[in-house]
Amino acid sequence: MKRFYYLTASIDSVQHISRDLDRAGIDAGRLHVLGRDTGPLEAAKVHGTTIWEDTEIMHTGFLGALIGAIAGIVLGFMLAGMDPWGWQLSVSVVPITTLFGLCFGAWLGGIFGISSRNHHLRPYWREVEKGQYLVMVDADDDAQAGRIVRVMNDSHGEAREVGREDSFSPFD
């Protein structure tokens, strides 16, 4: 997936961008807007960002789940190979410890991530704090990307492109 980042100064501009992208076949679910205050975005009925997009919860939750699952596998095999507490445990303990490690790791990673700003958005926070709106538009393929660029270049000179990610993923 490709993601385009634009900064614009007014909520009117954001509404016009949303309308024009919709007319070009880019649905509202592909548009995410980050502002200092969510009130004007809600009043304008513009798709603002969610906690999943503002924070690192997806990224760190995924990493926590991965690390927890690996730790659970290792712990499971250790418990199956040892004789802890005088009990002989079979290899069937491995899926249980893996599942526990995965869930615990995801939970811990999520707790850490919810308190951190999304690293993809970090370069733009200063402008957002000054009152600008960060408009993020996602494209699945080159045809959608071309329509986005065409609409933004032809109709929205007030919005300046400040970034582009050719292989965007919330997990990286």
C-alpha atoms as a PDB file:
ATOM      1  CA  MET A   1       0.000   0.000   0.000  1.00  0.00           C
ATOM      2  CA  LYS A   2       1.185   3.512  -0.773  1.00  0.00           C
ATOM      3  CA  ARG A   3       0.527   6.458   1.519  1.00  0.00           C
ATOM      4  CA  PHE A   4       0.668  10.140   0.568  1.00  0.00           C
ATOM      5  CA  TYR A   5       1.064  12.905   3.163  1.00  0.00           C
ATOM      6  CA  TYR A   6      -0.191  16.459   2.574  1.00  0.00           C
ATOM      7  CA  LEU A   7      -0.321  19.467   4.895  1.00  0.00           C
ATOM      8  CA  THR A   8      -3.036  22.077   4.572  1.00  0.00           C
ATOM      9  CA  ALA A   9      -4.034  25.012   6.751  1.00  0.00           C
ATOM     10  CA  SER A  10      -7.835  24.935   6.776  1.00  0.00           C
ATOM     11  CA  ILE A  11     -10.687  22.569   7.446  1.00  0.00           C
ATOM     12  CA  ASP A  12     -12.370  23.884   4.274  1.00  0.00           C
ATOM     13  CA  SER A  13      -9.414  22.647   2.263  1.00  0.00           C
ATOM     14  CA  VAL A  14      -9.671  19.254   3.953  1.00  0.00           C
ATOM     15  CA  GLN A  15     -13.379  19.039   3.063  1.00  0.00           C
ATOM     16  CA  HIS A  16     -12.692  19.948  -0.564  1.00  0.00           C
ATOM     17  CA  ILE A  17      -9.887  17.388  -0.763  1.00  0.00           C
ATOM     18  CA  SER A  18     -12.196  14.720   0.653  1.00  0.00           C
ATOM     19  CA  ARG A  19     -14.965  15.601  -1.794  1.00  0.00           C
ATOM     20  CA  ASP A  20     -12.653  15.707  -4.827  1.00  0.00           C
ATOM     21  CA  LEU A  21     -10.957  12.414  -3.949  1.00  0.00           C
ATOM     22  CA  ASP A  22     -14.369  10.815  -3.514  1.00  0.00           C
ATOM     23  CA  ARG A  23     -15.373  12.035  -6.976  1.00  0.00           C
ATOM     24  CA  ALA A  24     -12.169  10.505  -8.350  1.00  0.00           C
ATOM     25  CA  GLY A  25     -13.092   7.115  -6.896  1.00  0.00           C
ATOM     26  CA  ILE A  26     -10.959   7.260  -3.760  1.00  0.00           C
ATOM     27  CA  ASP A  27     -13.417   6.423  -0.980  1.00  0.00           C
ATOM     28  CA  ALA A  28     -13.445   8.149   2.415  1.00  0.00           C
ATOM     29  CA  GLY A  29     -11.932   5.090   4.096  1.00  0.00           C
ATOM     30  CA  ARG A  30      -8.648   5.828   2.312  1.00  0.00           C
ATOM     31  CA  LEU A  31      -8.467   9.365   3.724  1.00  0.00           C
ATOM     32  CA  HIS A  32      -7.233  10.028   7.268  1.00  0.00           C
ATOM     33  CA  VAL A  33      -6.791  13.514   8.690  1.00  0.00           C
ATOM     34  CA  LEU A  34      -4.722  14.400  11.743  1.00  0.00           C
ATOM     35  CA  GLY A  35      -5.378  17.733  13.415  1.00  0.00           C
ATOM     36  CA  ARG A  36      -4.454  19.315  16.710  1.00  0.00           C
ATOM     37  CA  ASP A  37      -8.107  19.166  17.735  1.00  0.00           C
ATOM     38  CA  THR A  38     -10.549  16.496  16.552  1.00  0.00           C
ATOM     39  CA  GLY A  39     -13.615  18.697  17.127  1.00  0.00           C
ATOM     40  CA  PRO A  40     -13.458  20.590  13.811  1.00  0.00           C
ATOM     41  CA  LEU A  41     -12.853  17.326  11.945  1.00  0.00           C
ATOM     42  CA  GLU A  42     -15.911  15.708  13.505  1.00  0.00           C
ATOM     43  CA  ALA A  43     -18.039  18.807  12.853  1.00  0.00           C
ATOM     44  CA  ALA A  44     -16.923  18.788   9.207  1.00  0.00           C
ATOM     45  CA  LYS A  45     -17.689  15.057   8.968  1.00  0.00           C
ATOM     46  CA  VAL A  46     -14.146  14.285   7.849  1.00  0.00           C
ATOM     47  CA  HIS A  47     -12.536  10.935   8.630  1.00  0.00           C
ATOM     48  CA  GLY A  48     -10.029  11.749  11.369  1.00  0.00           C
ATOM     49  CA  THR A  49      -7.321   9.455  12.613  1.00  0.00           C
ATOM     50  CA  THR A  50      -7.990   6.835  15.247  1.00  0.00           C
ATOM     51  CA  ILE A  51      -5.896   5.622  18.151  1.00  0.00           C
ATOM     52  CA  TRP A  52      -4.657   2.852  15.847  1.00  0.00           C
ATOM     53  CA  GLU A  53      -3.172   5.466  13.501  1.00  0.00           C
ATOM     54  CA  ASP A  54      -2.038   8.088  16.046  1.00  0.00           C
ATOM     55  CA  THR A  55      -0.059   5.744  18.277  1.00  0.00           C
ATOM     56  CA  GLU A  56       2.394   2.878  18.000  1.00  0.00           C
ATOM     57  CA  ILE A  57      -0.146   0.365  19.356  1.00  0.00           C
ATOM     58  CA  MET A  58      -0.193  -1.728  16.142  1.00  0.00           C
ATOM     59  CA  HIS A  59       3.560  -1.729  15.665  1.00  0.00           C
ATOM     60  CA  THR A  60       4.568  -2.502  19.248  1.00  0.00           C
ATOM     61  CA  GLY A  61       1.619  -4.841  19.808  1.00  0.00           C
ATOM     62  CA  PHE A  62       2.689  -6.910  16.808  1.00  0.00           C
ATOM     63  CA  LEU A  63       6.330  -6.955  17.949  1.00  0.00           C
ATOM     64  CA  GLY A  64       5.269  -7.850  21.495  1.00  0.00           C
ATOM     65  CA  ALA A  65       3.139 -10.723  20.191  1.00  0.00           C
ATOM     66  CA  LEU A  66       6.017 -12.003  18.080  1.00  0.00           C
ATOM     67  CA  ILE A  67       8.550 -11.844  20.916  1.00  0.00           C
ATOM     68  CA  GLY A  68       6.036 -13.311  23.382  1.00  0.00           C
ATOM     69  CA  ALA A  69       5.247 -16.238  21.062  1.00  0.00           C
ATOM     70  CA  ILE A  70       8.945 -17.021  20.619  1.00  0.00           C
ATOM     71  CA  ALA A  71       9.496 -16.826  24.374  1.00  0.00           C
ATOM     72  CA  GLY A  72       6.447 -19.078  24.891  1.00  0.00           C
ATOM     73  CA  ILE A  73       7.790 -21.693  22.479  1.00  0.00           C
ATOM     74  CA  VAL A  74      11.172 -21.713  24.221  1.00  0.00           C
ATOM     75  CA  LEU A  75       9.547 -21.892  27.654  1.00  0.00           C
ATOM     76  CA  GLY A  76       7.221 -24.694  26.506  1.00  0.00           C
ATOM     77  CA  PHE A  77      10.072 -26.845  25.244  1.00  0.00           C
ATOM     78  CA  MET A  78      12.072 -26.137  28.393  1.00  0.00           C
ATOM     79  CA  LEU A  79       9.141 -27.194  30.587  1.00  0.00           C
ATOM     80  CA  ALA A  80       8.535 -30.304  28.454  1.00  0.00           C
ATOM     81  CA  GLY A  81      12.214 -31.275  28.657  1.00  0.00           C
ATOM     82  CA  MET A  82      12.598 -30.650  32.384  1.00  0.00           C
ATOM     83  CA  ASP A  83      10.804 -32.119  35.336  1.00  0.00           C
ATOM     84  CA  PRO A  84       9.502 -28.977  37.069  1.00  0.00           C
ATOM     85  CA  TRP A  85       7.819 -29.349  40.449  1.00  0.00           C
ATOM     86  CA  GLY A  86       8.035 -33.126  40.145  1.00  0.00           C
ATOM     87  CA  TRP A  87       5.597 -33.291  37.224  1.00  0.00           C
ATOM     88  CA  GLN A  88       6.397 -34.810  33.893  1.00  0.00           C
ATOM     89  CA  LEU A  89       4.952 -32.432  31.258  1.00  0.00           C
ATOM     90  CA  SER A  90       4.414 -33.525  27.657  1.00  0.00           C
ATOM     91  CA  VAL A  91       5.090 -31.516  24.517  1.00  0.00           C
ATOM     92  CA  SER A  92       1.414 -30.481  24.608  1.00  0.00           C
ATOM     93  CA  VAL A  93       2.459 -27.710  27.019  1.00  0.00           C
ATOM     94  CA  VAL A  94       4.207 -25.916  24.102  1.00  0.00           C
ATOM     95  CA  PRO A  95       1.037 -24.575  22.408  1.00  0.00           C
ATOM     96  CA  ILE A  96      -0.300 -23.418  25.775  1.00  0.00           C
ATOM     97  CA  THR A  97       2.856 -21.476  26.679  1.00  0.00           C
ATOM     98  CA  THR A  98       3.087 -20.144  23.107  1.00  0.00           C
ATOM     99  CA  LEU A  99      -0.481 -18.844  23.213  1.00  0.00           C
ATOM    100  CA  PHE A 100       0.075 -17.318  26.645  1.00  0.00           C
ATOM    101  CA  GLY A 101       3.327 -15.671  25.518  1.00  0.00           C
ATOM    102  CA  LEU A 102       1.701 -14.347  22.351  1.00  0.00           C
ATOM    103  CA  CYS A 103      -1.238 -12.798  24.236  1.00  0.00           C
ATOM    104  CA  PHE A 104       0.898 -11.425  27.053  1.00  0.00           C
ATOM    105  CA  GLY A 105       3.419  -9.982  24.602  1.00  0.00           C
ATOM    106  CA  ALA A 106       0.695  -8.350  22.503  1.00  0.00           C
ATOM    107  CA  TRP A 107      -0.863  -6.838  25.624  1.00  0.00           C
ATOM    108  CA  LEU A 108       2.464  -5.518  26.917  1.00  0.00           C
ATOM    109  CA  GLY A 109       3.436  -4.188  23.493  1.00  0.00           C
ATOM    110  CA  GLY A 110       0.050  -2.481  23.188  1.00  0.00           C
ATOM    111  CA  ILE A 111       0.432  -0.836  26.593  1.00  0.00           C
ATOM    112  CA  PHE A 112       3.817   0.510  25.553  1.00  0.00           C
ATOM    113  CA  GLY A 113       2.634   1.545  22.091  1.00  0.00           C
ATOM    114  CA  ILE A 114      -0.473   3.420  23.196  1.00  0.00           C
ATOM    115  CA  SER A 115       1.736   5.915  25.002  1.00  0.00           C
ATOM    116  CA  SER A 116       3.959   6.586  21.972  1.00  0.00           C
ATOM    117  CA  ARG A 117       3.241   8.650  18.873  1.00  0.00           C
ATOM    118  CA  ASN A 118       3.246   6.826  15.571  1.00  0.00           C
ATOM    119  CA  HIS A 119       6.745   6.878  14.074  1.00  0.00           C
ATOM    120  CA  HIS A 120       5.297   7.392  10.581  1.00  0.00           C
ATOM    121  CA  LEU A 121       3.706  10.673  11.738  1.00  0.00           C
ATOM    122  CA  ARG A 122       6.577  11.976  13.868  1.00  0.00           C
ATOM    123  CA  PRO A 123       8.034  14.226  11.127  1.00  0.00           C
ATOM    124  CA  TYR A 124       4.709  16.068  10.817  1.00  0.00           C
ATOM    125  CA  TRP A 125       3.693  16.591  14.454  1.00  0.00           C
ATOM    126  CA  ARG A 126       5.354  20.007  14.730  1.00  0.00           C
ATOM    127  CA  GLU A 127       3.226  21.370  11.879  1.00  0.00           C
ATOM    128  CA  VAL A 128       0.076  19.743  13.258  1.00  0.00           C
ATOM    129  CA  GLU A 129       0.717  21.324  16.665  1.00  0.00           C
ATOM    130  CA  LYS A 130       0.901  24.717  14.900  1.00  0.00           C
ATOM    131  CA  GLY A 131      -2.639  24.199  13.556  1.00  0.00           C
ATOM    132  CA  GLN A 132      -2.007  22.530  10.201  1.00  0.00           C
ATOM    133  CA  TYR A 133      -3.974  19.468   9.104  1.00  0.00           C
ATOM    134  CA  LEU A 134      -2.101  16.376   7.976  1.00  0.00           C
ATOM    135  CA  VAL A 135      -4.051  14.639   5.215  1.00  0.00           C
ATOM    136  CA  MET A 136      -3.024  11.025   4.621  1.00  0.00           C
ATOM    137  CA  VAL A 137      -4.342   9.206   1.562  1.00  0.00           C
ATOM    138  CA  ASP A 138      -3.819   5.487   0.959  1.00  0.00           C
ATOM    139  CA  ALA A 139      -3.629   3.768  -2.424  1.00  0.00           C
ATOM    140  CA  ASP A 140      -3.605   0.035  -3.108  1.00  0.00           C
ATOM    141  CA  ASP A 141      -2.152   0.223  -6.591  1.00  0.00           C
ATOM    142  CA  ASP A 142      -0.520   2.549  -9.100  1.00  0.00           C
ATOM    143  CA  ALA A 143      -3.852   3.460 -10.719  1.00  0.00           C
ATOM    144  CA  GLN A 144      -5.248   4.770  -7.424  1.00  0.00           C
ATOM    145  CA  ALA A 145      -1.958   6.514  -6.675  1.00  0.00           C
ATOM    146  CA  GLY A 146      -2.098   8.240 -10.049  1.00  0.00           C
ATOM    147  CA  ARG A 147      -5.648   9.473  -9.407  1.00  0.00           C
ATOM    148  CA  ILE A 148      -4.623  10.820  -5.988  1.00  0.00           C
ATOM    149  CA  VAL A 149      -1.631  12.684  -7.387  1.00  0.00           C
ATOM    150  CA  ARG A 150      -3.669  14.048 -10.285  1.00  0.00           C
ATOM    151  CA  VAL A 151      -6.486  15.352  -8.028  1.00  0.00           C
ATOM    152  CA  MET A 152      -4.074  16.889  -5.551  1.00  0.00           C
ATOM    153  CA  ASN A 153      -1.851  18.525  -8.193  1.00  0.00           C
ATOM    154  CA  ASP A 154      -4.688  19.784 -10.384  1.00  0.00           C
ATOM    155  CA  SER A 155      -7.129  21.027  -7.747  1.00  0.00           C
ATOM    156  CA  HIS A 156      -5.351  21.541  -4.448  1.00  0.00           C
ATOM    157  CA  GLY A 157      -2.328  23.781  -4.709  1.00  0.00           C
ATOM    158  CA  GLU A 158      -3.023  24.962  -1.148  1.00  0.00           C
ATOM    159  CA  ALA A 159      -2.051  21.507   0.152  1.00  0.00           C
ATOM    160  CA  ARG A 160       1.613  20.705  -0.106  1.00  0.00           C
ATOM    161  CA  GLU A 161       2.915  17.186  -0.362  1.00  0.00           C
ATOM    162  CA  VAL A 162       5.282  16.564   2.542  1.00  0.00           C
ATOM    163  CA  GLY A 163       5.879  12.858   2.240  1.00  0.00           C
ATOM    164  CA  ARG A 164       5.194   9.602   0.487  1.00  0.00           C
ATOM    165  CA  GLU A 165       5.663   5.978   1.501  1.00  0.00           C
ATOM    166  CA  ASP A 166       5.690   3.469  -1.335  1.00  0.00           C
ATOM    167  CA  SER A 167       5.331   0.426   0.924  1.00  0.00           C
ATOM    168  CA  PHE A 168       3.336   1.614   3.941  1.00  0.00           C
ATOM    169  CA  SER A 169       2.311  -0.871   6.618  1.00  0.00           C
ATOM    170  CA  PRO A 170       1.054  -0.109  10.138  1.00  0.00           C
ATOM    171  CA  PHE A 171       3.085  -3.094  11.400  1.00  0.00           C
ATOM    172  CA  ASP A 172       6.527  -1.751  10.434  1.00  0.00           C
END
